[in-house]
């Protein structure tokens, strides 16, 4: 997949924002968090902006929320680098049969917020003989609903259907890296944000 064939991260997340329901939880981390916060002047009360974060833990947090709140759809917007750091969570998700959980991997081929170092599944990694097929990994982990999109138009045409499917759902999106993009900043004190999020979940 060449870089110019990949969709913009903004376009990928715009479809998630458009398709999310009022009661849906959306978890973002790393570069996705920065763009997600910039896209809206007022945060949604059920946004879980995982900044600062323990890299790789967004899927585990998403699973916990999905199991605790089975009537809510939970959408995790994860990076490829973060996903590689916690591949085991995919097996845990399917074993738990979290039918209300959607995992989206935004694959830009780099660890963008730390300096755009190539991930093992990047073009540089493939030239060295390595490659990561997130779709195959998801299917091998037990996901029955697996989707892969590279172009913004294809994703836009299918986002409602894919995000509305019974889960667990795995979505792999090829997005363009933006070297030099500033990393996300915390939108406020973590303790206060956690309390507000808990209150929104209980509402």
Protein backbone atom coordinates (compact mmCIF):
# COMPACT_ATOMS: atom_id res chain seq x y z
CA UNK A 1 0.00 0.00 0.00
CA UNK A 2 1.62 3.24 -1.12
CA UNK A 3 1.40 6.30 1.10
CA UNK A 4 -0.65 8.28 -1.43
CA UNK A 5 -3.31 5.55 -1.52
CA UNK A 6 -3.98 5.87 2.20
CA UNK A 7 -6.81 7.98 3.58
CA UNK A 8 -6.24 10.94 5.86
CA UNK A 9 -6.60 10.24 9.56
CA UNK A 10 -9.06 13.14 9.71
CA UNK A 11 -11.27 11.50 7.07
CA UNK A 12 -11.16 8.16 8.85
CA UNK A 13 -12.18 9.64 12.19
CA UNK A 14 -14.80 11.91 10.65
CA UNK A 15 -16.80 8.83 9.67
CA UNK A 16 -16.58 7.47 13.20
CA UNK A 17 -17.81 10.79 14.57
CA UNK A 18 -20.66 10.91 12.05
CA UNK A 19 -21.78 7.34 12.71
CA UNK A 20 -21.47 7.26 16.49
CA UNK A 21 -24.70 7.16 18.45
CA UNK A 22 -25.51 9.43 21.37
CA UNK A 23 -24.92 6.59 23.81
CA UNK A 24 -21.76 5.24 22.21
CA UNK A 25 -18.41 5.35 23.99
CA UNK A 26 -15.47 6.35 21.79
CA UNK A 27 -11.95 5.69 23.05
CA UNK A 28 -9.08 7.42 21.27
CA UNK A 29 -5.36 7.26 21.88
CA UNK A 30 -2.12 8.66 20.46
CA UNK A 31 -2.51 10.61 17.17
CA UNK A 32 -6.21 9.74 16.97
CA UNK A 33 -6.78 11.56 20.26
CA UNK A 34 -5.26 14.76 18.93
CA UNK A 35 -7.38 14.78 15.79
CA UNK A 36 -10.53 13.70 17.67
CA UNK A 37 -10.20 16.61 20.08
CA UNK A 38 -9.55 19.07 17.25
CA UNK A 39 -12.67 17.93 15.37
CA UNK A 40 -15.12 19.10 18.01
CA UNK A 41 -15.35 22.28 20.02
CA UNK A 42 -17.11 20.54 22.92
CA UNK A 43 -16.10 17.00 23.91
CA UNK A 44 -18.81 14.38 23.98
CA UNK A 45 -19.37 13.22 27.59
CA UNK A 46 -18.77 9.61 26.51
CA UNK A 47 -15.44 10.34 24.85
CA UNK A 48 -12.58 8.59 26.62
CA UNK A 49 -9.51 10.50 25.46
CA UNK A 50 -6.71 8.19 26.58
CA UNK A 51 -4.07 10.89 27.07
CA UNK A 52 -1.68 10.46 28.75
CA UNK A 53 -1.76 6.76 28.02
CA UNK A 54 -0.09 3.45 28.64
CA UNK A 55 0.57 2.58 25.00
CA UNK A 56 -1.38 -0.47 23.88
CA UNK A 57 -3.98 -0.54 26.66
CA UNK A 58 -6.89 1.11 24.82
CA UNK A 59 -8.35 -2.22 23.65
CA UNK A 60 -8.24 -3.63 27.18
CA UNK A 61 -9.98 -0.53 28.57
CA UNK A 62 -12.54 -0.77 25.78
CA UNK A 63 -13.25 -4.40 26.62
CA UNK A 64 -13.77 -3.58 30.28
CA UNK A 65 -16.23 -0.81 29.46
CA UNK A 66 -18.05 -2.98 26.91
CA UNK A 67 -18.54 -5.77 29.44
CA UNK A 68 -19.63 -3.37 32.18
CA UNK A 69 -22.00 -1.48 29.85
CA UNK A 70 -23.41 -4.17 27.52
CA UNK A 71 -26.17 -1.89 26.17
CA UNK A 72 -23.66 0.65 24.87
CA UNK A 73 -21.57 0.35 21.73
CA UNK A 74 -17.88 0.90 22.51
CA UNK A 75 -15.56 2.02 19.69
CA UNK A 76 -11.80 1.91 20.20
CA UNK A 77 -9.71 4.01 17.78
CA UNK A 78 -6.26 2.45 18.10
CA UNK A 79 -2.98 2.94 16.25
CA UNK A 80 -1.04 0.15 14.58
CA UNK A 81 1.89 0.62 16.96
CA UNK A 82 -0.43 0.47 19.97
CA UNK A 83 -2.19 -2.60 18.60
CA UNK A 84 1.12 -4.41 18.11
CA UNK A 85 1.93 -3.80 21.77
CA UNK A 86 -1.19 -5.64 22.96
CA UNK A 87 -2.15 -8.23 20.35
CA UNK A 88 -3.17 -10.61 23.13
CA UNK A 89 -6.14 -8.39 23.93
CA UNK A 90 -7.77 -9.46 20.65
CA UNK A 91 -8.06 -13.06 21.82
CA UNK A 92 -9.42 -11.87 25.17
CA UNK A 93 -12.04 -9.74 23.38
CA UNK A 94 -13.37 -12.63 21.31
CA UNK A 95 -13.22 -15.06 24.24
CA UNK A 96 -15.36 -12.60 26.21
CA UNK A 97 -17.82 -12.39 23.28
CA UNK A 98 -18.01 -8.61 23.56
CA UNK A 99 -20.73 -8.16 20.95
CA UNK A 100 -20.92 -4.38 21.54
CA UNK A 101 -17.21 -3.69 20.96
CA UNK A 102 -15.62 -2.29 17.78
CA UNK A 103 -11.83 -2.18 17.43
CA UNK A 104 -10.53 0.18 14.74
CA UNK A 105 -6.83 0.03 13.89
CA UNK A 106 -5.61 3.20 12.18
CA UNK A 107 -2.54 1.85 10.40
CA UNK A 108 -0.11 4.56 9.28
CA UNK A 109 2.97 2.36 9.38
CA UNK A 110 4.82 4.43 11.97
CA UNK A 111 4.97 5.27 15.66
CA UNK A 112 3.91 8.80 14.76
CA UNK A 113 3.85 10.60 18.10
CA UNK A 114 7.36 9.42 19.07
CA UNK A 115 9.11 10.49 15.86
CA UNK A 116 7.57 8.45 13.01
CA UNK A 117 9.77 5.38 13.49
CA UNK A 118 8.54 2.56 11.19
CA UNK A 119 6.40 -0.14 12.72
CA UNK A 120 7.05 -3.79 11.72
CA UNK A 121 4.08 -3.67 9.32
CA UNK A 122 5.26 -0.55 7.51
CA UNK A 123 6.59 -0.31 3.95
CA UNK A 124 10.12 -0.29 5.38
CA UNK A 125 9.37 -3.42 7.35
CA UNK A 126 7.99 -5.19 4.27
CA UNK A 127 11.11 -4.37 2.29
CA UNK A 128 13.04 -6.17 5.01
CA UNK A 129 10.84 -9.24 4.58
CA UNK A 130 8.41 -8.57 7.41
CA UNK A 131 4.75 -7.63 7.24
CA UNK A 132 1.79 -7.44 9.58
CA UNK A 133 -1.60 -8.48 8.25
CA UNK A 134 -3.97 -7.14 10.89
CA UNK A 135 -6.94 -8.75 9.16
CA UNK A 136 -5.37 -12.20 9.38
CA UNK A 137 -4.43 -11.60 13.01
CA UNK A 138 -7.99 -10.56 13.86
CA UNK A 139 -9.51 -13.55 12.11
CA UNK A 140 -6.99 -15.85 13.77
CA UNK A 141 -7.95 -14.33 17.12
CA UNK A 142 -11.59 -15.26 16.58
CA UNK A 143 -13.13 -12.12 15.06
CA UNK A 144 -15.85 -13.11 12.60
CA UNK A 145 -16.50 -9.51 11.47
CA UNK A 146 -13.25 -8.17 9.95
CA UNK A 147 -13.04 -5.26 7.50
CA UNK A 148 -10.17 -3.54 5.68
CA UNK A 149 -10.36 -0.17 3.90
CA UNK A 150 -7.67 1.93 2.26
CA UNK A 151 -9.65 4.71 0.58
CA UNK A 152 -11.76 7.31 2.32
CA UNK A 153 -14.67 6.89 -0.08
CA UNK A 154 -14.88 3.14 0.50
CA UNK A 155 -14.78 3.61 4.24
CA UNK A 156 -17.44 6.34 4.10
CA UNK A 157 -19.74 4.10 2.05
CA UNK A 158 -19.45 1.23 4.50
CA UNK A 159 -18.91 2.83 7.91
CA UNK A 160 -22.55 2.70 9.06
CA UNK A 161 -22.92 -0.96 8.09
CA UNK A 162 -19.59 -1.99 9.61
CA UNK A 163 -19.92 -0.06 12.85
CA UNK A 164 -23.52 -1.22 13.26
CA UNK A 165 -22.73 -4.91 12.88
CA UNK A 166 -22.90 -7.30 15.80
CA UNK A 167 -19.46 -7.53 17.35
CA UNK A 168 -16.88 -7.94 18.25
CA UNK A 169 -15.97 -6.06 15.07
CA UNK A 170 -12.44 -5.42 13.81
CA UNK A 171 -11.78 -2.61 11.33
CA UNK A 172 -8.36 -2.07 9.72
CA UNK A 173 -7.93 1.33 8.06
CA UNK A 174 -4.88 2.36 6.04
CA UNK A 175 -4.19 5.98 6.95
CA UNK A 176 -1.44 8.36 5.87
CA UNK A 177 1.33 9.23 8.31
CA UNK A 178 2.07 12.89 8.98
CA UNK A 179 5.73 13.08 10.07
CA UNK A 180 6.29 15.90 12.52
CA UNK A 181 2.68 16.07 13.66
CA UNK A 182 2.60 17.20 17.30
CA UNK A 183 1.46 14.63 19.80
CA UNK A 184 -1.77 14.97 21.77
CA UNK A 185 -1.98 16.97 24.97
CA UNK A 186 -4.15 16.04 27.91
CA UNK A 187 -7.49 17.88 27.78
CA UNK A 188 -7.46 18.34 31.54
CA UNK A 189 -6.71 16.75 34.93
CA UNK A 190 -7.01 12.98 34.64
CA UNK A 191 -8.88 12.50 37.93
CA UNK A 192 -11.55 15.05 37.06
CA UNK A 193 -11.96 13.65 33.56
CA UNK A 194 -12.33 10.14 34.97
CA UNK A 195 -15.04 11.23 37.38
CA UNK A 196 -16.95 13.04 34.61
CA UNK A 197 -16.69 9.97 32.37
CA UNK A 198 -17.96 7.68 35.13
CA UNK A 199 -20.90 10.02 35.72
CA UNK A 200 -21.73 9.97 31.99
CA UNK A 201 -21.64 6.16 31.96
CA UNK A 202 -24.06 6.03 34.89
CA UNK A 203 -26.47 8.53 33.36
